[in-house]
Amino acid sequence: MSNKIQAIRGMNDLLPADSTLWSSLDETISNLLISYGYKYCRTPIVESTETFSRAIGEVTDIVEKEMYTWEDNNGNSLTLRPEGTASVVRMMIEHNLPREGIQKVFYNGPMFRHERPQKGRYRQFHQVGAEVFGASDAKIDAELISITDSLWKSLGITARLEINSLGSKESRFAYRNILTAFFNENISQLDEDSLRRLKSNPLRILDSKNKDLELLISNAPKMIDHLDDESKEHFTILKTYLDNLDIPYEVNPKLVRGLDYYNQTVFEWISNDLGAQGTICGGGRYDGLVEKMGGSPTPAIGFAMGLERIALLIQDKKSQIVNKRCQLYFVVLGDKAQIESMKLSKKILQVLPNITLSNDLSMGSLKSQMKKADKSNADFALILGEEELSNNQLSIKPLKGQGVQQSIELEGIIQHLQEIL
C-alpha cells in the first residue's frame, strides 16, 4: 500500500467539526464591519512581486525570507500574497477608486508566508483586514480601534491595546538619523540582523525579537519624543477619542510594526492567552503608500487580524459565539416516501432558509435512522413512512424534550414549522 498523501507543513485543513465556529466568526466580523459602512472587496491571491516589494520594503523579513515567489512561463515574477494591504492599495490605484471619495473596505482571505509554523501561526493563514482611503483626521483612527474593541467584547476576548505614533515622513527621517547615531555608538552589541538593518532601516532594530538586545533597545531614543507638531496634535486627538470611548490603552514607544509603510498612528491588540506571540490585531496609518505605489497622494489607514489566532481564543466559548440554527432530521421509510421527502425538503427550505434540514441517506431501519437523528444533534425528527404517506401526514418528534410526538397534515407542515421554530 502506498503512503498517504499529507498536507504541506504549515498548511492546514479546516475540518467539518470546526466549520460552524469559523462560519460564525466570519459572519460576526463581516456584520460588524458592514454595520460601520465598510464594503467587502476581494483581490487575487497571486500578484506581481513588485506589488509587495515596493509596498512592504525590500529590507523586511517578509520580502527577504518569507514570500512564495516564482517566475511564470513569460519570465514575470509572481508572489502569493503575504499580506492584504498592498493588494488593496494596488486595486484602489488600478480602478481609480479614491477619486470617488472616501473608501471604506474590508477583505477576508488566505495569506502565505514561509515561516516556522507554531501555535496559531501557519504558512497559509487567514486574515480579515479593513482599510480606509481618503480620511486624514484621527477620527477614523479611533473608529478602527473602536470597531476592534467592539469585536473583542462580542467574542468574549480579553486583549490590551498598545498605541504609538511614528510621526511624519520628515520627522521619521530626522529620527532615523538620531537612532542610527545611537546604534553606531553601541555597534558592538548588535547582532547580525541588526547590523544589516542599521544600514537599510534602523527603525526595524526596535522590532527585534532578540532578548539580548532588550536593554539596548529600551535605552534607545524614542520616536514619540521627536514628533513634529502636526503628528503630536494628531496623536493627542486620537487619545482624546479613545478616552471618550472608554477604551483603555498603553502608549508603547517601542511599537513600530513590522512593515515599512506605516506613519503616525500604529496600534496592536495583544492577548495574554497565546504565549509570547500574543498580537491578534495590528494596524496603523500609511499615508504615503498610495503615492509610493503609483497613485495620487491619499491618506490611508487599516488593520489586519489573524483568524487562526482568534479561533484559538474562542474555542472554549464556542457555544456562546456560534449562531444557533434549528436542525431537522428527515427519517424516511419506503420508496415513495423517499421521493416525497425530497420534494418536501425543498419546499421547507425555500420558506425557511435559515434552518438545517438533513435528509437521511442511509436507507436504514426506523431504529437506525432515529439513532442517526439523535447523533446529529437535531432538534426535531421528521418521520415519513408508507403509513404516514397513506394518511397524508408527517410525524414530528422532538429530540430535546420540547414536547411529544405529533402527526401533522402534509399540507400544513410548513405553517406548523414556522410556529414552532
Foldseek 3Di string as FASTA:
>chain_A
DDDDDDDDFQDDDDDPVCVLLVVLLVVLLVVLLVVVPAAEDDFDQKDQLCLCCLQQHCLFCQNPPWWDWDADPVRTIMTGAQDDPSRVLVVCFVVVVCVVPKHKYKYKDWHATPDDDDQLGGRIFMKIKIKIKFDDALVVVLVQVVSVVVVCVLLVADWAKEKEFQADPVLVVVLLVQQLVLCVVVVVQDDPSCVVCSVPPNLQVLVDPPPSCVVVSVPGDFSRVRHDPVLVVRVVVNVVSCVVVVHDYHYDSSDDDRGDQAGRMKMFIFGPVRPPPGTFKIWHKRQCSSVSVPHDRMTMIMMMGTPSNVCVRNVVVSVSRRDDAAEEEEAEADDVRLVVVVVLVVVLCVVVVRHHYHYDDPNDDSVVSVVVRLVVVHQWYWYDYPVCVVVQWIWIAGNPPPDGIDIGHVVCPSVVVVVPD
